Amino acid sequence: MALTHAILATLGSEAFSGYDLWKRFTICTSHYWKASQQQVYRELSKLETQGAIASEVVSQENRPDKKLYRITAVGKEIMTTWIAEPSEPMAVREELLVKVLAAHLVEPEVIIQELKRRQQIHQEKLDACLEEEKQMLAESPELSPSCKSSYLTLRRGIRYESEWVEWCKEAISAFSMSND
């Protein structure tokens, strides 16, 4: 999967400015796709040149104009082809798991401190996802097809973050017992 597909998938349900798209990647989709602001803008430019997306400048009062991007028929064709292709599970590269594997080499408090820090990060992301879910369901209790797609990826994010929080608690408990 490429950033191209993540952007087209997001623009498939509604128009976004480059900044709003990037914010969405940092908050709502970070459990399955990360992209820097520079990467997003570079990809938007490339997709617009290819005709996969189109932009429209929208005037705003007391603020600079905003450029909104929408998927085009060409972009939908790209997505149709890509969605039909088989996908394989991604390899996991998680630095914290390597640290836990090597934790017997340090005092338990060292790894416990890192686990607590990561638990807090995942709890904050979980809280943001739960808030997003609450807003989504308040706005549209009967989910449209595009909302259903967004909702399902959000639910996966909730589970992902929740699993991390619970695993961190489990690991902290296990290392705390070895402290006794």
C-alpha atoms as a PDB file:
ATOM      1  CA  MET A   1       0.000   0.000   0.000  1.00  0.00           C
ATOM      2  CA  ALA A   2       1.191   3.485  -0.739  1.00  0.00           C
ATOM      3  CA  LEU A   3       0.333   6.902   0.618  1.00  0.00           C
ATOM      4  CA  THR A   4      -1.523   7.377  -2.667  1.00  0.00           C
ATOM      5  CA  HIS A   5      -4.113   4.801  -1.630  1.00  0.00           C
ATOM      6  CA  ALA A   6      -4.489   6.171   1.892  1.00  0.00           C
ATOM      7  CA  ILE A   7      -5.125   9.670   0.518  1.00  0.00           C
ATOM      8  CA  LEU A   8      -7.531   8.523  -2.187  1.00  0.00           C
ATOM      9  CA  ALA A   9      -9.409   6.368   0.333  1.00  0.00           C
ATOM     10  CA  THR A  10      -9.797   9.334   2.667  1.00  0.00           C
ATOM     11  CA  LEU A  11     -10.856  11.681  -0.125  1.00  0.00           C
ATOM     12  CA  GLY A  12     -13.316   9.044  -1.331  1.00  0.00           C
ATOM     13  CA  SER A  13     -15.806  10.035   1.354  1.00  0.00           C
ATOM     14  CA  GLU A  14     -15.400  13.817   1.509  1.00  0.00           C
ATOM     15  CA  ALA A  15     -13.246  16.727   0.409  1.00  0.00           C
ATOM     16  CA  PHE A  16     -10.359  17.829   2.604  1.00  0.00           C
ATOM     17  CA  SER A  17      -7.767  20.563   2.598  1.00  0.00           C
ATOM     18  CA  GLY A  18      -4.182  19.359   2.687  1.00  0.00           C
ATOM     19  CA  TYR A  19      -3.867  20.446   6.307  1.00  0.00           C
ATOM     20  CA  ASP A  20      -7.116  18.732   7.381  1.00  0.00           C
ATOM     21  CA  LEU A  21      -6.068  15.577   5.548  1.00  0.00           C
ATOM     22  CA  TRP A  22      -2.722  15.583   7.357  1.00  0.00           C
ATOM     23  CA  LYS A  23      -4.472  16.144  10.724  1.00  0.00           C
ATOM     24  CA  ARG A  24      -6.698  13.168   9.963  1.00  0.00           C
ATOM     25  CA  PHE A  25      -3.590  11.051   9.407  1.00  0.00           C
ATOM     26  CA  THR A  26      -2.110  12.175  12.725  1.00  0.00           C
ATOM     27  CA  ILE A  27      -5.274  11.551  14.750  1.00  0.00           C
ATOM     28  CA  CYS A  28      -7.766   9.174  13.154  1.00  0.00           C
ATOM     29  CA  THR A  29      -5.707   6.890  10.962  1.00  0.00           C
ATOM     30  CA  SER A  30      -2.408   6.756  12.822  1.00  0.00           C
ATOM     31  CA  HIS A  31      -3.042   3.124  13.822  1.00  0.00           C
ATOM     32  CA  TYR A  32      -2.687   2.041  10.210  1.00  0.00           C
ATOM     33  CA  TRP A  33      -1.021   4.876   8.317  1.00  0.00           C
ATOM     34  CA  LYS A  34       1.416   7.628   9.226  1.00  0.00           C
ATOM     35  CA  ALA A  35       2.495  10.480   6.980  1.00  0.00           C
ATOM     36  CA  SER A  36       4.253  13.774   7.552  1.00  0.00           C
ATOM     37  CA  GLN A  37       2.665  17.022   6.441  1.00  0.00           C
ATOM     38  CA  GLN A  38       5.313  17.354   3.730  1.00  0.00           C
ATOM     39  CA  GLN A  39       4.594  13.834   2.425  1.00  0.00           C
ATOM     40  CA  VAL A  40       0.855  14.561   2.255  1.00  0.00           C
ATOM     41  CA  TYR A  41       1.311  17.805   0.302  1.00  0.00           C
ATOM     42  CA  ARG A  42       3.837  16.206  -2.061  1.00  0.00           C
ATOM     43  CA  GLU A  43       1.452  13.310  -2.755  1.00  0.00           C
ATOM     44  CA  LEU A  44      -1.526  15.654  -3.248  1.00  0.00           C
ATOM     45  CA  SER A  45       0.444  17.555  -5.879  1.00  0.00           C
ATOM     46  CA  LYS A  46       1.382  14.319  -7.647  1.00  0.00           C
ATOM     47  CA  LEU A  47      -2.198  12.986  -7.549  1.00  0.00           C
ATOM     48  CA  GLU A  48      -3.577  16.254  -8.907  1.00  0.00           C
ATOM     49  CA  THR A  49      -1.067  16.184 -11.777  1.00  0.00           C
ATOM     50  CA  GLN A  50      -2.163  12.598 -12.570  1.00  0.00           C
ATOM     51  CA  GLY A  51      -5.823  13.644 -12.534  1.00  0.00           C
ATOM     52  CA  ALA A  52      -6.673  11.316  -9.626  1.00  0.00           C
ATOM     53  CA  ILE A  53      -7.862  14.273  -7.553  1.00  0.00           C
ATOM     54  CA  ALA A  54      -9.076  17.776  -8.292  1.00  0.00           C
ATOM     55  CA  SER A  55      -8.858  20.860  -6.133  1.00  0.00           C
ATOM     56  CA  GLU A  56     -11.022  23.887  -5.620  1.00  0.00           C
ATOM     57  CA  VAL A  57     -10.040  27.092  -3.831  1.00  0.00           C
ATOM     58  CA  VAL A  58     -12.558  28.108  -1.180  1.00  0.00           C
ATOM     59  CA  SER A  59     -12.606  31.646   0.217  1.00  0.00           C
ATOM     60  CA  GLN A  60     -12.750  32.018   3.987  1.00  0.00           C
ATOM     61  CA  GLU A  61     -13.582  35.100   6.000  1.00  0.00           C
ATOM     62  CA  ASN A  62     -10.653  36.519   7.984  1.00  0.00           C
ATOM     63  CA  ARG A  63      -8.487  33.563   6.973  1.00  0.00           C
ATOM     64  CA  PRO A  64      -6.416  32.614   3.948  1.00  0.00           C
ATOM     65  CA  ASP A  65      -8.197  30.790   1.128  1.00  0.00           C
ATOM     66  CA  LYS A  66      -8.376  27.039   1.500  1.00  0.00           C
ATOM     67  CA  LYS A  67      -7.721  24.472  -1.223  1.00  0.00           C
ATOM     68  CA  LEU A  68     -10.116  21.502  -1.002  1.00  0.00           C
ATOM     69  CA  TYR A  69      -9.248  18.224  -2.694  1.00  0.00           C
ATOM     70  CA  ARG A  70     -11.751  15.673  -4.049  1.00  0.00           C
ATOM     71  CA  ILE A  71     -11.284  12.284  -5.669  1.00  0.00           C
ATOM     72  CA  THR A  72     -12.021  12.129  -9.424  1.00  0.00           C
ATOM     73  CA  ALA A  73     -13.218   9.302 -11.672  1.00  0.00           C
ATOM     74  CA  VAL A  74      -9.553   8.519 -12.401  1.00  0.00           C
ATOM     75  CA  GLY A  75      -8.877   8.294  -8.657  1.00  0.00           C
ATOM     76  CA  LYS A  76     -11.869   6.009  -8.183  1.00  0.00           C
ATOM     77  CA  GLU A  77     -10.558   3.758 -10.978  1.00  0.00           C
ATOM     78  CA  ILE A  78      -7.175   3.568  -9.266  1.00  0.00           C
ATOM     79  CA  MET A  79      -8.897   2.593  -6.016  1.00  0.00           C
ATOM     80  CA  THR A  80     -11.179   0.037  -7.684  1.00  0.00           C
ATOM     81  CA  THR A  81      -8.170  -1.722  -9.201  1.00  0.00           C
ATOM     82  CA  TRP A  82      -6.172  -1.559  -5.976  1.00  0.00           C
ATOM     83  CA  ILE A  83      -9.018  -2.761  -3.704  1.00  0.00           C
ATOM     84  CA  ALA A  84      -9.523  -5.835  -5.928  1.00  0.00           C
ATOM     85  CA  GLU A  85      -5.869  -6.865  -5.460  1.00  0.00           C
ATOM     86  CA  PRO A  86      -5.102  -9.313  -2.624  1.00  0.00           C
ATOM     87  CA  SER A  87      -3.414  -7.761   0.393  1.00  0.00           C
ATOM     88  CA  GLU A  88      -0.957  -9.413   2.742  1.00  0.00           C
ATOM     89  CA  PRO A  89      -0.503  -8.708   6.457  1.00  0.00           C
ATOM     90  CA  MET A  90       2.183  -6.120   7.086  1.00  0.00           C
ATOM     91  CA  ALA A  91       5.331  -7.084   8.948  1.00  0.00           C
ATOM     92  CA  VAL A  92       5.390  -5.638  12.443  1.00  0.00           C
ATOM     93  CA  ARG A  93       8.452  -3.663  13.472  1.00  0.00           C
ATOM     94  CA  GLU A  94       7.871  -2.582  17.034  1.00  0.00           C
ATOM     95  CA  GLU A  95      10.870  -1.257  18.919  1.00  0.00           C
ATOM     96  CA  LEU A  96       9.161  -1.603  22.297  1.00  0.00           C
ATOM     97  CA  LEU A  97       8.780  -5.356  21.800  1.00  0.00           C
ATOM     98  CA  VAL A  98      12.523  -5.677  21.185  1.00  0.00           C
ATOM     99  CA  LYS A  99      13.143  -3.679  24.371  1.00  0.00           C
ATOM    100  CA  VAL A 100      10.832  -6.004  26.299  1.00  0.00           C
ATOM    101  CA  LEU A 101      12.649  -8.996  24.811  1.00  0.00           C
ATOM    102  CA  ALA A 102      15.928  -7.578  26.162  1.00  0.00           C
ATOM    103  CA  ALA A 103      14.484  -6.266  29.444  1.00  0.00           C
ATOM    104  CA  HIS A 104      16.225  -8.970  31.478  1.00  0.00           C
ATOM    105  CA  LEU A 105      19.462  -7.049  30.802  1.00  0.00           C
ATOM    106  CA  VAL A 106      18.364  -4.005  32.840  1.00  0.00           C
ATOM    107  CA  GLU A 107      16.703  -3.284  36.159  1.00  0.00           C
ATOM    108  CA  PRO A 108      12.928  -3.834  35.899  1.00  0.00           C
ATOM    109  CA  GLU A 109      12.213  -0.168  36.668  1.00  0.00           C
ATOM    110  CA  VAL A 110      13.893   0.870  33.397  1.00  0.00           C
ATOM    111  CA  ILE A 111      11.453  -1.088  31.224  1.00  0.00           C
ATOM    112  CA  ILE A 112       8.523  -0.322  33.542  1.00  0.00           C
ATOM    113  CA  GLN A 113       9.121   3.396  33.016  1.00  0.00           C
ATOM    114  CA  GLU A 114       9.068   2.961  29.223  1.00  0.00           C
ATOM    115  CA  LEU A 115       5.964   0.766  29.385  1.00  0.00           C
ATOM    116  CA  LYS A 116       4.142   3.392  31.465  1.00  0.00           C
ATOM    117  CA  ARG A 117       5.119   6.084  28.963  1.00  0.00           C
ATOM    118  CA  ARG A 118       3.819   4.005  26.056  1.00  0.00           C
ATOM    119  CA  GLN A 119       0.651   3.088  27.945  1.00  0.00           C
ATOM    120  CA  GLN A 120      -0.060   6.808  28.362  1.00  0.00           C
ATOM    121  CA  ILE A 121       0.509   7.469  24.647  1.00  0.00           C
ATOM    122  CA  HIS A 122      -1.849   4.659  23.643  1.00  0.00           C
ATOM    123  CA  GLN A 123      -4.426   5.749  26.230  1.00  0.00           C
ATOM    124  CA  GLU A 124      -4.423   9.274  24.758  1.00  0.00           C
ATOM    125  CA  LYS A 125      -4.871   7.870  21.253  1.00  0.00           C
ATOM    126  CA  LEU A 126      -7.636   5.571  22.499  1.00  0.00           C
ATOM    127  CA  ASP A 127      -9.408   8.508  24.140  1.00  0.00           C
ATOM    128  CA  ALA A 128      -9.184  10.486  20.871  1.00  0.00           C
ATOM    129  CA  CYS A 129     -10.585   7.537  18.898  1.00  0.00           C
ATOM    130  CA  LEU A 130     -13.445   7.067  21.372  1.00  0.00           C
ATOM    131  CA  GLU A 131     -14.284  10.766  21.131  1.00  0.00           C
ATOM    132  CA  GLU A 132     -14.238  10.531  17.331  1.00  0.00           C
ATOM    133  CA  GLU A 133     -16.556   7.509  17.528  1.00  0.00           C
ATOM    134  CA  LYS A 134     -18.960   9.379  19.797  1.00  0.00           C
ATOM    135  CA  GLN A 135     -19.064  12.343  17.388  1.00  0.00           C
ATOM    136  CA  MET A 136     -19.466  10.085  14.367  1.00  0.00           C
ATOM    137  CA  LEU A 137     -22.422   8.224  15.881  1.00  0.00           C
ATOM    138  CA  ALA A 138     -24.031  11.453  17.123  1.00  0.00           C
ATOM    139  CA  GLU A 139     -23.851  12.962  13.622  1.00  0.00           C
ATOM    140  CA  SER A 140     -24.977   9.851  11.773  1.00  0.00           C
ATOM    141  CA  PRO A 141     -26.521   6.998  13.806  1.00  0.00           C
ATOM    142  CA  GLU A 142     -27.549   5.332  10.516  1.00  0.00           C
ATOM    143  CA  LEU A 143     -24.159   4.922   8.870  1.00  0.00           C
ATOM    144  CA  SER A 144     -23.949   5.616   5.139  1.00  0.00           C
ATOM    145  CA  PRO A 145     -21.611   3.333   3.143  1.00  0.00           C
ATOM    146  CA  SER A 146     -18.722   5.827   3.343  1.00  0.00           C
ATOM    147  CA  CYS A 147     -19.385   6.448   7.053  1.00  0.00           C
ATOM    148  CA  LYS A 148     -19.516   2.694   7.643  1.00  0.00           C
ATOM    149  CA  SER A 149     -16.072   2.327   6.060  1.00  0.00           C
ATOM    150  CA  SER A 150     -14.662   5.115   8.230  1.00  0.00           C
ATOM    151  CA  TYR A 151     -16.399   3.709  11.285  1.00  0.00           C
ATOM    152  CA  LEU A 152     -14.963   0.232  10.761  1.00  0.00           C
ATOM    153  CA  THR A 153     -11.403   1.539  10.443  1.00  0.00           C
ATOM    154  CA  LEU A 154     -12.007   3.677  13.534  1.00  0.00           C
ATOM    155  CA  ARG A 155     -13.267   0.594  15.424  1.00  0.00           C
ATOM    156  CA  ARG A 156     -10.062  -1.205  14.439  1.00  0.00           C
ATOM    157  CA  GLY A 157      -8.105   1.758  15.793  1.00  0.00           C
ATOM    158  CA  ILE A 158     -10.042   1.591  19.059  1.00  0.00           C
ATOM    159  CA  ARG A 159      -9.248  -2.095  19.410  1.00  0.00           C
ATOM    160  CA  TYR A 160      -5.614  -1.557  18.452  1.00  0.00           C
ATOM    161  CA  GLU A 161      -5.081   1.179  21.037  1.00  0.00           C
ATOM    162  CA  SER A 162      -7.104  -0.675  23.669  1.00  0.00           C
ATOM    163  CA  GLU A 163      -5.037  -3.824  23.140  1.00  0.00           C
ATOM    164  CA  TRP A 164      -1.842  -1.806  23.572  1.00  0.00           C
ATOM    165  CA  VAL A 165      -3.093  -0.236  26.805  1.00  0.00           C
ATOM    166  CA  GLU A 166      -4.069  -3.638  28.214  1.00  0.00           C
ATOM    167  CA  TRP A 167      -0.814  -5.274  27.120  1.00  0.00           C
ATOM    168  CA  CYS A 168       1.232  -2.459  28.699  1.00  0.00           C
ATOM    169  CA  LYS A 169      -0.659  -2.979  31.976  1.00  0.00           C
ATOM    170  CA  GLU A 170       0.042  -6.715  31.776  1.00  0.00           C
ATOM    171  CA  ALA A 171       3.733  -6.169  31.076  1.00  0.00           C
ATOM    172  CA  ILE A 172       4.067  -3.556  33.841  1.00  0.00           C
ATOM    173  CA  SER A 173       2.462  -5.995  36.262  1.00  0.00           C
ATOM    174  CA  ALA A 174       4.781  -8.820  35.191  1.00  0.00           C
ATOM    175  CA  PHE A 175       7.924  -6.697  35.530  1.00  0.00           C
ATOM    176  CA  SER A 176       6.689  -5.257  38.843  1.00  0.00           C
ATOM    177  CA  MET A 177       6.384  -8.790  40.242  1.00  0.00           C
ATOM    178  CA  SER A 178       9.990  -9.500  39.294  1.00  0.00           C
ATOM    179  CA  ASN A 179      10.874  -6.365  41.300  1.00  0.00           C
ATOM    180  CA  ASP A 180       9.562  -7.954  44.519  1.00  0.00           C
END
